[in-house]
Amino acid sequence: MPSESHIDLEIALKKIHELAAESNSDLGVLYWNQVGRLLQRAARMQADIDALSKELERCQAMLRKKH
């Protein structure tokens, strides 16, 4: 089951990079960099979830055929 809420990560990360560059403090830069990393991790996790959902559907289909 593919992700229903796919976003263009490149655009989002570019905007986050801009926000970090516009920040007036080191803390602001660190904050936006962390937000970018979290967004990347979330995208990887969603890809893993999508792959696992497909595998689960495949396994369930195999079990239905056996019964």
N, C-alpha and C. Protein backbone atom coordinates (compact mmCIF):
# COMPACT_ATOMS: atom_id res chain seq x y z
N MET A 1 0.85 -1.16 0.00
CA MET A 1 0.00 0.00 0.00
C MET A 1 0.90 1.23 0.00
N PRO A 2 0.99 1.97 -1.10
CA PRO A 2 1.87 3.12 -1.16
C PRO A 2 1.39 4.24 -0.24
N SER A 3 2.33 5.09 0.12
CA SER A 3 2.01 6.21 1.00
C SER A 3 0.99 7.13 0.36
N GLU A 4 -0.02 7.48 1.14
CA GLU A 4 -1.09 8.35 0.65
C GLU A 4 -0.66 9.82 0.63
N SER A 5 0.33 10.16 1.46
CA SER A 5 0.68 11.56 1.63
C SER A 5 2.12 11.83 1.19
N HIS A 6 2.48 11.37 0.01
CA HIS A 6 3.83 11.55 -0.51
C HIS A 6 4.08 13.05 -0.74
N ILE A 7 5.22 13.52 -0.26
CA ILE A 7 5.62 14.90 -0.52
C ILE A 7 6.95 14.88 -1.26
N ASP A 8 7.22 15.95 -1.99
CA ASP A 8 8.50 16.06 -2.68
C ASP A 8 9.55 16.46 -1.66
N LEU A 9 10.33 15.49 -1.24
CA LEU A 9 11.31 15.70 -0.18
C LEU A 9 12.37 16.72 -0.58
N GLU A 10 12.72 16.76 -1.84
CA GLU A 10 13.75 17.71 -2.29
C GLU A 10 13.31 19.15 -2.05
N ILE A 11 12.05 19.45 -2.37
CA ILE A 11 11.53 20.80 -2.16
C ILE A 11 11.48 21.12 -0.67
N ALA A 12 11.00 20.19 0.13
CA ALA A 12 10.89 20.40 1.58
C ALA A 12 12.28 20.62 2.19
N LEU A 13 13.24 19.80 1.81
CA LEU A 13 14.59 19.94 2.37
C LEU A 13 15.26 21.24 1.93
N LYS A 14 14.98 21.67 0.71
CA LYS A 14 15.53 22.95 0.23
C LYS A 14 14.97 24.09 1.09
N LYS A 15 13.67 24.05 1.37
CA LYS A 15 13.06 25.10 2.18
C LYS A 15 13.63 25.07 3.60
N ILE A 16 13.80 23.89 4.16
CA ILE A 16 14.37 23.78 5.51
C ILE A 16 15.80 24.32 5.52
N HIS A 17 16.56 24.04 4.46
CA HIS A 17 17.92 24.58 4.35
C HIS A 17 17.88 26.11 4.31
N GLU A 18 16.92 26.67 3.57
CA GLU A 18 16.77 28.13 3.51
C GLU A 18 16.45 28.70 4.89
N LEU A 19 15.55 28.03 5.61
CA LEU A 19 15.19 28.50 6.96
C LEU A 19 16.40 28.46 7.89
N ALA A 20 17.22 27.42 7.76
CA ALA A 20 18.43 27.32 8.58
C ALA A 20 19.39 28.46 8.23
N ALA A 21 19.53 28.74 6.94
CA ALA A 21 20.45 29.80 6.51
C ALA A 21 19.97 31.17 6.98
N GLU A 22 18.65 31.36 7.08
CA GLU A 22 18.09 32.63 7.50
C GLU A 22 18.08 32.79 9.03
N SER A 23 18.36 31.73 9.73
CA SER A 23 18.32 31.77 11.19
C SER A 23 19.38 32.72 11.72
N ASN A 24 19.02 33.41 12.79
CA ASN A 24 19.94 34.39 13.38
C ASN A 24 20.79 33.81 14.51
N SER A 25 20.69 32.51 14.70
CA SER A 25 21.46 31.93 15.82
C SER A 25 21.93 30.53 15.46
N ASP A 26 22.96 30.09 16.18
CA ASP A 26 23.44 28.72 16.00
C ASP A 26 22.36 27.72 16.38
N LEU A 27 21.60 28.07 17.41
CA LEU A 27 20.53 27.19 17.86
C LEU A 27 19.47 27.03 16.76
N GLY A 28 19.16 28.11 16.07
CA GLY A 28 18.20 28.05 14.97
C GLY A 28 18.69 27.16 13.84
N VAL A 29 19.97 27.28 13.52
CA VAL A 29 20.57 26.43 12.47
C VAL A 29 20.49 24.97 12.89
N LEU A 30 20.88 24.70 14.13
CA LEU A 30 20.82 23.32 14.63
C LEU A 30 19.39 22.79 14.59
N TYR A 31 18.43 23.63 14.97
CA TYR A 31 17.02 23.23 14.97
C TYR A 31 16.57 22.82 13.57
N TRP A 32 16.80 23.68 12.59
CA TRP A 32 16.32 23.38 11.24
C TRP A 32 17.06 22.21 10.61
N ASN A 33 18.34 22.06 10.94
CA ASN A 33 19.08 20.89 10.45
C ASN A 33 18.50 19.61 11.04
N GLN A 34 18.13 19.66 12.32
CA GLN A 34 17.52 18.49 12.96
C GLN A 34 16.15 18.20 12.34
N VAL A 35 15.38 19.23 12.06
CA VAL A 35 14.08 19.03 11.41
C VAL A 35 14.29 18.34 10.05
N GLY A 36 15.29 18.76 9.30
CA GLY A 36 15.59 18.14 8.01
C GLY A 36 15.95 16.67 8.15
N ARG A 37 16.77 16.37 9.16
CA ARG A 37 17.15 14.97 9.39
C ARG A 37 15.94 14.13 9.79
N LEU A 38 15.08 14.69 10.63
CA LEU A 38 13.86 13.97 11.03
C LEU A 38 12.95 13.71 9.83
N LEU A 39 12.85 14.68 8.95
CA LEU A 39 12.04 14.51 7.74
C LEU A 39 12.61 13.39 6.86
N GLN A 40 13.92 13.35 6.72
CA GLN A 40 14.55 12.29 5.94
C GLN A 40 14.31 10.92 6.58
N ARG A 41 14.45 10.85 7.91
CA ARG A 41 14.20 9.58 8.61
C ARG A 41 12.75 9.14 8.45
N ALA A 42 11.83 10.09 8.55
CA ALA A 42 10.42 9.76 8.40
C ALA A 42 10.13 9.22 7.00
N ALA A 43 10.77 9.80 6.00
CA ALA A 43 10.58 9.32 4.63
C ALA A 43 11.12 7.90 4.47
N ARG A 44 12.28 7.63 5.07
CA ARG A 44 12.84 6.27 5.00
C ARG A 44 11.93 5.28 5.74
N MET A 45 11.43 5.71 6.89
CA MET A 45 10.53 4.83 7.65
C MET A 45 9.25 4.55 6.86
N GLN A 46 8.72 5.57 6.19
CA GLN A 46 7.50 5.37 5.40
C GLN A 46 7.77 4.40 4.25
N ALA A 47 8.94 4.50 3.64
CA ALA A 47 9.30 3.57 2.57
C ALA A 47 9.38 2.14 3.12
N ASP A 48 9.95 1.99 4.32
CA ASP A 48 10.01 0.67 4.96
C ASP A 48 8.60 0.15 5.25
N ILE A 49 7.74 1.01 5.77
CA ILE A 49 6.35 0.62 6.05
C ILE A 49 5.66 0.17 4.78
N ASP A 50 5.84 0.93 3.70
CA ASP A 50 5.22 0.58 2.42
C ASP A 50 5.71 -0.78 1.94
N ALA A 51 7.02 -1.02 2.04
CA ALA A 51 7.58 -2.30 1.60
C ALA A 51 7.06 -3.44 2.47
N LEU A 52 6.99 -3.23 3.77
CA LEU A 52 6.47 -4.27 4.67
C LEU A 52 4.99 -4.54 4.42
N SER A 53 4.23 -3.50 4.11
CA SER A 53 2.81 -3.68 3.80
C SER A 53 2.63 -4.54 2.55
N LYS A 54 3.46 -4.28 1.53
CA LYS A 54 3.40 -5.10 0.32
C LYS A 54 3.75 -6.55 0.63
N GLU A 55 4.78 -6.76 1.43
CA GLU A 55 5.19 -8.11 1.79
C GLU A 55 4.10 -8.81 2.59
N LEU A 56 3.46 -8.11 3.50
CA LEU A 56 2.36 -8.67 4.27
C LEU A 56 1.21 -9.07 3.35
N GLU A 57 0.85 -8.21 2.41
CA GLU A 57 -0.21 -8.54 1.46
C GLU A 57 0.15 -9.78 0.65
N ARG A 58 1.43 -9.89 0.24
CA ARG A 58 1.88 -11.04 -0.52
C ARG A 58 1.76 -12.31 0.32
N CYS A 59 2.18 -12.25 1.57
CA CYS A 59 2.11 -13.42 2.46
C CYS A 59 0.65 -13.81 2.73
N GLN A 60 -0.19 -12.82 2.93
CA GLN A 60 -1.61 -13.12 3.17
C GLN A 60 -2.24 -13.78 1.95
N ALA A 61 -1.88 -13.33 0.78
CA ALA A 61 -2.40 -13.92 -0.45
C ALA A 61 -1.93 -15.37 -0.58
N MET A 62 -0.68 -15.63 -0.22
CA MET A 62 -0.16 -17.00 -0.28
C MET A 62 -0.92 -17.90 0.71
N LEU A 63 -1.19 -17.38 1.90
CA LEU A 63 -1.91 -18.17 2.91
C LEU A 63 -3.35 -18.45 2.46
N ARG A 64 -3.99 -17.49 1.82
CA ARG A 64 -5.35 -17.71 1.32
C ARG A 64 -5.38 -18.79 0.25
N LYS A 65 -4.35 -18.82 -0.58
CA LYS A 65 -4.28 -19.86 -1.63
C LYS A 65 -4.10 -21.24 -1.06
N LYS A 66 -3.41 -21.35 0.07
CA LYS A 66 -3.15 -22.65 0.69
C LYS A 66 -4.39 -23.20 1.39
N HIS A 67 -5.32 -22.34 1.76
CA HIS A 67 -6.51 -22.79 2.50
C HIS A 67 -7.70 -22.85 1.63
